[in-house]
Amino acid sequence: MFPGSSERPLGFALAHRALSAGARCEAGHFAVTPFPAVHDAGAPCFSLRIECEGKVIAYSGDTEWNDALAAAARGADLFVCECSSWERPLKGHIDYRTLAPKLAGLGAKRVILTHMNPDMLERRSALAHETASDGMVVIL
């Protein structure tokens, strides 16, 4: 996924699986269920619900708020959600004013906001939700 990467040998085995919205895909000791995201990228975009060893992690990816995102995140142990701006709607992204009132109804045990623009980063310390940072390690 970076220049020259396709020409370098990998130090691990890699398998590809096509994902379809709503179709749970099992691989080894984990499962992934993709949910349709609202983000125009020229190919289908998904929010993901990942199940592994009794834990559930939901990841929004880039998306506007939608009912499928709520389904992906509902009851998750961790919901990592993009939150690009404070209140300015951006096509294909979520703003905090839209997201914040919806989070409590999801029942996610922990929420980490990520993919923040400068207006979100400026308000980081005043947010009621945890925010991601470079090099952050999350233990569930």
N, C-alpha and C. Protein backbone atom coordinates (compact mmCIF):
# COMPACT_ATOMS: atom_id res chain seq x y z
N MET A 1 0.81 -1.19 0.00
CA MET A 1 0.00 0.00 0.00
C MET A 1 0.86 1.27 0.00
N PHE A 2 2.11 1.13 -0.27
CA PHE A 2 2.98 2.28 -0.42
C PHE A 2 3.89 2.01 -1.61
N PRO A 3 4.50 3.05 -2.18
CA PRO A 3 5.32 2.84 -3.40
C PRO A 3 6.34 1.72 -3.22
N GLY A 4 6.34 0.80 -4.14
CA GLY A 4 7.29 -0.31 -4.13
C GLY A 4 6.86 -1.50 -3.28
N SER A 5 5.77 -1.36 -2.52
CA SER A 5 5.38 -2.44 -1.60
C SER A 5 4.99 -3.72 -2.33
N SER A 6 4.46 -3.60 -3.53
CA SER A 6 4.05 -4.81 -4.26
C SER A 6 5.24 -5.57 -4.81
N GLU A 7 6.40 -4.97 -4.79
CA GLU A 7 7.60 -5.62 -5.32
C GLU A 7 8.44 -6.26 -4.22
N ARG A 8 8.09 -6.02 -2.96
CA ARG A 8 8.86 -6.56 -1.84
C ARG A 8 8.19 -7.80 -1.29
N PRO A 9 8.96 -8.83 -0.94
CA PRO A 9 8.35 -10.02 -0.35
C PRO A 9 7.83 -9.71 1.06
N LEU A 10 6.72 -10.33 1.41
CA LEU A 10 6.15 -10.16 2.74
C LEU A 10 6.77 -11.17 3.70
N GLY A 11 6.82 -10.81 4.95
CA GLY A 11 7.34 -11.71 5.96
C GLY A 11 6.24 -12.55 6.59
N PHE A 12 5.09 -12.64 5.93
CA PHE A 12 3.94 -13.38 6.46
C PHE A 12 3.05 -13.79 5.30
N ALA A 13 2.19 -14.77 5.56
CA ALA A 13 1.25 -15.22 4.53
C ALA A 13 0.11 -14.21 4.41
N LEU A 14 -0.38 -14.03 3.22
CA LEU A 14 -1.46 -13.08 2.98
C LEU A 14 -2.53 -13.74 2.14
N ALA A 15 -3.76 -13.66 2.63
CA ALA A 15 -4.89 -14.21 1.89
C ALA A 15 -5.92 -13.10 1.71
N HIS A 16 -6.57 -13.08 0.56
CA HIS A 16 -7.58 -12.07 0.26
C HIS A 16 -8.95 -12.72 0.27
N ARG A 17 -9.92 -11.99 0.81
CA ARG A 17 -11.31 -12.44 0.76
C ARG A 17 -12.18 -11.25 0.37
N ALA A 18 -13.05 -11.46 -0.54
CA ALA A 18 -13.99 -10.40 -0.92
C ALA A 18 -15.07 -10.31 0.15
N LEU A 19 -15.38 -9.09 0.56
CA LEU A 19 -16.41 -8.87 1.57
C LEU A 19 -17.68 -8.37 0.91
N SER A 20 -18.80 -8.78 1.45
CA SER A 20 -20.11 -8.32 0.98
C SER A 20 -20.87 -7.79 2.18
N ALA A 21 -21.54 -6.68 1.99
CA ALA A 21 -22.29 -6.05 3.08
C ALA A 21 -23.20 -7.05 3.77
N GLY A 22 -23.08 -7.12 5.09
CA GLY A 22 -23.94 -7.98 5.89
C GLY A 22 -23.54 -9.43 5.96
N ALA A 23 -22.57 -9.86 5.16
CA ALA A 23 -22.16 -11.27 5.14
C ALA A 23 -20.97 -11.48 6.08
N ARG A 24 -21.20 -12.18 7.17
CA ARG A 24 -20.15 -12.47 8.15
C ARG A 24 -19.10 -13.36 7.52
N CYS A 25 -17.86 -13.01 7.69
CA CYS A 25 -16.74 -13.76 7.12
C CYS A 25 -15.85 -14.26 8.26
N GLU A 26 -15.69 -15.57 8.36
CA GLU A 26 -14.87 -16.16 9.42
C GLU A 26 -13.51 -16.55 8.85
N ALA A 27 -12.49 -16.29 9.65
CA ALA A 27 -11.12 -16.65 9.28
C ALA A 27 -10.37 -16.99 10.56
N GLY A 28 -10.02 -18.24 10.71
CA GLY A 28 -9.30 -18.65 11.93
C GLY A 28 -10.14 -18.39 13.17
N HIS A 29 -9.59 -17.66 14.12
CA HIS A 29 -10.27 -17.43 15.39
C HIS A 29 -11.00 -16.08 15.44
N PHE A 30 -11.22 -15.46 14.29
CA PHE A 30 -11.98 -14.21 14.31
C PHE A 30 -12.98 -14.18 13.16
N ALA A 31 -13.91 -13.22 13.27
CA ALA A 31 -14.93 -13.05 12.23
C ALA A 31 -15.10 -11.55 11.97
N VAL A 32 -15.41 -11.22 10.74
CA VAL A 32 -15.62 -9.83 10.33
C VAL A 32 -16.97 -9.74 9.63
N THR A 33 -17.75 -8.76 10.03
CA THR A 33 -19.00 -8.48 9.34
C THR A 33 -18.93 -7.05 8.81
N PRO A 34 -18.99 -6.88 7.50
CA PRO A 34 -18.97 -5.54 6.92
C PRO A 34 -20.37 -4.94 6.84
N PHE A 35 -20.45 -3.66 7.12
CA PHE A 35 -21.70 -2.91 7.01
C PHE A 35 -21.48 -1.77 6.04
N PRO A 36 -22.46 -1.44 5.20
CA PRO A 36 -22.26 -0.39 4.20
C PRO A 36 -21.97 0.96 4.84
N ALA A 37 -20.95 1.62 4.35
CA ALA A 37 -20.60 2.97 4.81
C ALA A 37 -21.04 3.96 3.75
N VAL A 38 -21.21 5.20 4.17
CA VAL A 38 -21.61 6.27 3.25
C VAL A 38 -20.37 7.11 2.97
N HIS A 39 -19.61 6.68 1.96
CA HIS A 39 -18.36 7.35 1.61
C HIS A 39 -18.05 7.01 0.15
N ASP A 40 -17.96 8.01 -0.67
CA ASP A 40 -17.73 7.80 -2.09
C ASP A 40 -16.23 7.66 -2.35
N ALA A 41 -15.81 6.45 -2.64
CA ALA A 41 -14.39 6.20 -2.90
C ALA A 41 -14.18 5.45 -4.21
N GLY A 42 -15.22 5.27 -4.99
CA GLY A 42 -15.10 4.55 -6.25
C GLY A 42 -15.22 3.05 -6.11
N ALA A 43 -15.31 2.56 -4.88
CA ALA A 43 -15.50 1.14 -4.60
C ALA A 43 -16.35 1.06 -3.34
N PRO A 44 -16.96 -0.07 -3.08
CA PRO A 44 -17.77 -0.16 -1.86
C PRO A 44 -16.92 0.11 -0.61
N CYS A 45 -17.46 0.91 0.28
CA CYS A 45 -16.79 1.20 1.55
C CYS A 45 -17.59 0.55 2.67
N PHE A 46 -16.88 0.06 3.68
CA PHE A 46 -17.54 -0.64 4.77
C PHE A 46 -17.10 -0.12 6.13
N SER A 47 -18.01 -0.18 7.07
CA SER A 47 -17.70 -0.13 8.49
C SER A 47 -17.59 -1.60 8.88
N LEU A 48 -16.73 -1.91 9.85
CA LEU A 48 -16.48 -3.32 10.19
C LEU A 48 -16.80 -3.64 11.64
N ARG A 49 -17.35 -4.81 11.83
CA ARG A 49 -17.57 -5.37 13.16
C ARG A 49 -16.69 -6.61 13.23
N ILE A 50 -15.72 -6.59 14.11
CA ILE A 50 -14.73 -7.66 14.22
C ILE A 50 -14.92 -8.38 15.55
N GLU A 51 -15.05 -9.69 15.49
CA GLU A 51 -15.22 -10.51 16.69
C GLU A 51 -14.01 -11.41 16.85
N CYS A 52 -13.43 -11.39 18.05
CA CYS A 52 -12.25 -12.22 18.30
C CYS A 52 -12.14 -12.51 19.79
N GLU A 53 -12.04 -13.77 20.12
CA GLU A 53 -11.84 -14.21 21.50
C GLU A 53 -12.83 -13.57 22.46
N GLY A 54 -14.10 -13.54 22.07
CA GLY A 54 -15.15 -13.03 22.93
C GLY A 54 -15.27 -11.52 23.00
N LYS A 55 -14.47 -10.81 22.23
CA LYS A 55 -14.51 -9.34 22.20
C LYS A 55 -15.02 -8.89 20.84
N VAL A 56 -15.64 -7.70 20.84
CA VAL A 56 -16.14 -7.11 19.60
C VAL A 56 -15.56 -5.72 19.44
N ILE A 57 -14.95 -5.49 18.29
CA ILE A 57 -14.42 -4.16 17.94
C ILE A 57 -15.16 -3.72 16.69
N ALA A 58 -15.72 -2.53 16.75
CA ALA A 58 -16.37 -1.93 15.59
C ALA A 58 -15.51 -0.77 15.11
N TYR A 59 -15.38 -0.65 13.80
CA TYR A 59 -14.58 0.43 13.21
C TYR A 59 -15.40 1.09 12.12
N SER A 60 -15.59 2.39 12.24
CA SER A 60 -16.45 3.11 11.29
C SER A 60 -15.85 3.22 9.90
N GLY A 61 -14.54 3.36 9.80
CA GLY A 61 -13.96 3.77 8.53
C GLY A 61 -14.50 5.14 8.21
N ASP A 62 -14.22 5.67 7.05
CA ASP A 62 -14.78 6.95 6.63
C ASP A 62 -16.24 6.74 6.27
N THR A 63 -17.13 7.50 6.89
CA THR A 63 -18.55 7.38 6.59
C THR A 63 -19.33 8.53 7.21
N GLU A 64 -20.45 8.84 6.61
CA GLU A 64 -21.43 9.71 7.25
C GLU A 64 -22.21 8.84 8.22
N TRP A 65 -22.91 9.48 9.17
CA TRP A 65 -23.74 8.70 10.10
C TRP A 65 -24.82 7.97 9.31
N ASN A 66 -25.08 6.73 9.65
CA ASN A 66 -26.13 5.95 9.00
C ASN A 66 -26.55 4.81 9.92
N ASP A 67 -27.71 4.23 9.67
CA ASP A 67 -28.23 3.17 10.52
C ASP A 67 -27.34 1.92 10.51
N ALA A 68 -26.67 1.65 9.41
CA ALA A 68 -25.78 0.49 9.35
C ALA A 68 -24.59 0.67 10.30
N LEU A 69 -24.11 1.89 10.45
CA LEU A 69 -23.02 2.15 11.38
C LEU A 69 -23.48 1.87 12.81
N ALA A 70 -24.69 2.27 13.12
CA ALA A 70 -25.24 1.99 14.45
C ALA A 70 -25.30 0.48 14.70
N ALA A 71 -25.72 -0.28 13.70
CA ALA A 71 -25.79 -1.74 13.83
C ALA A 71 -24.40 -2.34 14.03
N ALA A 72 -23.42 -1.83 13.32
CA ALA A 72 -22.05 -2.34 13.45
C ALA A 72 -21.50 -2.10 14.85
N ALA A 73 -21.81 -0.96 15.44
CA ALA A 73 -21.22 -0.56 16.72
C ALA A 73 -22.02 -1.02 17.94
N ARG A 74 -23.25 -1.41 17.76
CA ARG A 74 -24.14 -1.71 18.89
C ARG A 74 -23.54 -2.78 19.80
N GLY A 75 -23.36 -2.42 21.09
CA GLY A 75 -22.89 -3.36 22.10
C GLY A 75 -21.42 -3.75 21.99
N ALA A 76 -20.65 -3.08 21.15
CA ALA A 76 -19.24 -3.44 20.96
C ALA A 76 -18.43 -3.16 22.23
N ASP A 77 -17.38 -3.93 22.42
CA ASP A 77 -16.45 -3.66 23.52
C ASP A 77 -15.67 -2.38 23.23
N LEU A 78 -15.39 -2.14 21.94
CA LEU A 78 -14.68 -0.94 21.51
C LEU A 78 -15.26 -0.48 20.18
N PHE A 79 -15.58 0.80 20.10
CA PHE A 79 -16.03 1.40 18.86
C PHE A 79 -15.05 2.50 18.50
N VAL A 80 -14.28 2.28 17.44
CA VAL A 80 -13.33 3.28 16.93
C VAL A 80 -14.05 4.00 15.81
N CYS A 81 -14.30 5.29 16.01
CA CYS A 81 -15.14 6.02 15.08
C CYS A 81 -14.45 7.28 14.58
N GLU A 82 -14.47 7.45 13.28
CA GLU A 82 -13.96 8.68 12.70
C GLU A 82 -14.87 9.83 13.10
N CYS A 83 -14.29 10.97 13.34
CA CYS A 83 -15.05 12.16 13.73
C CYS A 83 -14.27 13.35 13.19
N SER A 84 -14.50 13.64 11.93
CA SER A 84 -13.65 14.58 11.20
C SER A 84 -13.77 16.03 11.64
N SER A 85 -14.96 16.47 12.00
CA SER A 85 -15.10 17.88 12.34
C SER A 85 -15.99 18.07 13.56
N TRP A 86 -15.94 19.25 14.12
CA TRP A 86 -16.73 19.57 15.31
C TRP A 86 -18.21 19.65 14.96
N GLU A 87 -18.57 20.50 14.00
CA GLU A 87 -19.98 20.64 13.65
C GLU A 87 -20.24 20.86 12.16
N ARG A 88 -19.19 20.98 11.40
CA ARG A 88 -19.34 21.23 9.96
C ARG A 88 -19.51 19.90 9.24
N PRO A 89 -20.66 19.70 8.60
CA PRO A 89 -20.85 18.47 7.84
C PRO A 89 -19.87 18.38 6.66
N LEU A 90 -19.21 17.25 6.55
CA LEU A 90 -18.30 16.98 5.44
C LEU A 90 -18.81 15.73 4.73
N LYS A 91 -18.93 15.79 3.43
CA LYS A 91 -19.43 14.64 2.68
C LYS A 91 -18.57 13.40 2.97
N GLY A 92 -19.23 12.33 3.34
CA GLY A 92 -18.54 11.07 3.59
C GLY A 92 -17.90 10.97 4.95
N HIS A 93 -18.19 11.92 5.86
CA HIS A 93 -17.57 11.93 7.19
C HIS A 93 -18.58 12.33 8.26
N ILE A 94 -18.23 12.09 9.52
CA ILE A 94 -19.10 12.39 10.65
C ILE A 94 -18.58 13.60 11.40
N ASP A 95 -19.50 14.46 11.82
CA ASP A 95 -19.12 15.58 12.69
C ASP A 95 -19.57 15.24 14.12
N TYR A 96 -18.89 15.83 15.11
CA TYR A 96 -19.13 15.51 16.51
C TYR A 96 -20.55 15.86 16.95
N ARG A 97 -21.09 16.95 16.47
CA ARG A 97 -22.46 17.36 16.86
C ARG A 97 -23.48 16.32 16.42
N THR A 98 -23.25 15.64 15.33
CA THR A 98 -24.14 14.57 14.88
C THR A 98 -23.89 13.29 15.67
N LEU A 99 -22.63 12.97 15.90
CA LEU A 99 -22.24 11.70 16.52
C LEU A 99 -22.53 11.63 18.01
N ALA A 100 -22.16 12.65 18.75
CA ALA A 100 -22.20 12.60 20.22
C ALA A 100 -23.54 12.15 20.80
N PRO A 101 -24.67 12.70 20.36
CA PRO A 101 -25.93 12.27 20.97
C PRO A 101 -26.33 10.83 20.62
N LYS A 102 -25.74 10.24 19.63
CA LYS A 102 -26.08 8.88 19.20
C LYS A 102 -25.28 7.81 19.95
N LEU A 103 -24.13 8.19 20.50
CA LEU A 103 -23.23 7.21 21.09
C LEU A 103 -23.82 6.45 22.27
N ALA A 104 -24.49 7.13 23.18
CA ALA A 104 -25.02 6.46 24.37
C ALA A 104 -26.01 5.36 23.99
N GLY A 105 -26.79 5.56 22.97
CA GLY A 105 -27.78 4.57 22.54
C GLY A 105 -27.18 3.32 21.92
N LEU A 106 -25.90 3.36 21.57
CA LEU A 106 -25.26 2.21 20.95
C LEU A 106 -24.86 1.14 21.96
N GLY A 107 -24.60 1.55 23.20
CA GLY A 107 -24.19 0.61 24.22
C GLY A 107 -22.78 0.10 24.07
N ALA A 108 -21.95 0.78 23.28
CA ALA A 108 -20.54 0.39 23.17
C ALA A 108 -19.86 0.68 24.51
N LYS A 109 -19.05 -0.25 24.98
CA LYS A 109 -18.40 -0.09 26.28
C LYS A 109 -17.32 1.00 26.27
N ARG A 110 -16.69 1.16 25.12
CA ARG A 110 -15.62 2.16 25.00
C ARG A 110 -15.67 2.74 23.60
N VAL A 111 -15.48 4.05 23.50
CA VAL A 111 -15.48 4.74 22.21
C VAL A 111 -14.18 5.53 22.10
N ILE A 112 -13.53 5.38 20.97
CA ILE A 112 -12.33 6.17 20.68
C ILE A 112 -12.56 6.88 19.36
N LEU A 113 -12.46 8.21 19.38
CA LEU A 113 -12.63 9.01 18.18
C LEU A 113 -11.29 9.16 17.47
N THR A 114 -11.34 9.13 16.14
CA THR A 114 -10.12 9.23 15.34
C THR A 114 -10.41 10.00 14.06
N HIS A 115 -9.39 10.23 13.24
CA HIS A 115 -9.52 10.90 11.95
C HIS A 115 -10.07 12.32 12.12
N MET A 116 -9.45 13.06 13.04
CA MET A 116 -9.94 14.38 13.42
C MET A 116 -9.23 15.50 12.68
N ASN A 117 -10.01 16.42 12.17
CA ASN A 117 -9.50 17.64 11.54
C ASN A 117 -9.05 18.63 12.62
N PRO A 118 -8.36 19.70 12.23
CA PRO A 118 -7.88 20.67 13.21
C PRO A 118 -8.95 21.22 14.16
N ASP A 119 -10.18 21.44 13.68
CA ASP A 119 -11.20 21.98 14.58
C ASP A 119 -11.59 20.97 15.67
N MET A 120 -11.47 19.69 15.40
CA MET A 120 -11.70 18.67 16.43
C MET A 120 -10.52 18.58 17.37
N LEU A 121 -9.32 18.62 16.81
CA LEU A 121 -8.12 18.54 17.64
C LEU A 121 -8.04 19.70 18.62
N GLU A 122 -8.49 20.87 18.23
CA GLU A 122 -8.48 22.03 19.13
C GLU A 122 -9.39 21.83 20.33
N ARG A 123 -10.43 21.03 20.19
CA ARG A 123 -11.40 20.80 21.26
C ARG A 123 -11.16 19.48 22.00
N ARG A 124 -10.10 18.82 21.67
CA ARG A 124 -9.81 17.48 22.19
C ARG A 124 -9.95 17.37 23.70
N SER A 125 -9.40 18.30 24.44
CA SER A 125 -9.43 18.21 25.90
C SER A 125 -10.83 18.43 26.48
N ALA A 126 -11.72 19.04 25.74
CA ALA A 126 -13.07 19.32 26.23
C ALA A 126 -14.08 18.24 25.82
N LEU A 127 -13.66 17.28 25.02
CA LEU A 127 -14.58 16.25 24.54
C LEU A 127 -14.96 15.28 25.65
N ALA A 128 -16.18 14.78 25.58
CA ALA A 128 -16.66 13.80 26.54
C ALA A 128 -16.23 12.38 26.17
N HIS A 129 -15.52 12.24 25.04
CA HIS A 129 -15.12 10.92 24.56
C HIS A 129 -13.62 10.85 24.36
N GLU A 130 -13.09 9.65 24.50
CA GLU A 130 -11.67 9.39 24.32
C GLU A 130 -11.27 9.63 22.87
N THR A 131 -10.05 10.10 22.65
CA THR A 131 -9.56 10.34 21.28
C THR A 131 -8.28 9.55 21.05
N ALA A 132 -8.10 9.15 19.80
CA ALA A 132 -6.90 8.39 19.42
C ALA A 132 -5.70 9.32 19.32
N SER A 133 -4.54 8.73 19.46
CA SER A 133 -3.30 9.47 19.27
C SER A 133 -2.29 8.54 18.63
N ASP A 134 -1.32 9.13 17.95
CA ASP A 134 -0.29 8.33 17.28
C ASP A 134 0.41 7.42 18.27
N GLY A 135 0.54 6.16 17.93
CA GLY A 135 1.24 5.19 18.78
C GLY A 135 0.40 4.66 19.94
N MET A 136 -0.85 5.03 19.99
CA MET A 136 -1.73 4.60 21.08
C MET A 136 -1.88 3.08 21.10
N VAL A 137 -1.83 2.49 22.27
CA VAL A 137 -2.05 1.06 22.45
C VAL A 137 -3.35 0.90 23.23
N VAL A 138 -4.24 0.07 22.73
CA VAL A 138 -5.53 -0.14 23.36
C VAL A 138 -5.60 -1.58 23.86
N ILE A 139 -5.93 -1.74 25.15
CA ILE A 139 -6.08 -3.08 25.73
C ILE A 139 -7.53 -3.23 26.17
N LEU A 140 -8.14 -4.30 25.70
CA LEU A 140 -9.55 -4.56 26.07
C LEU A 140 -9.63 -5.56 27.19
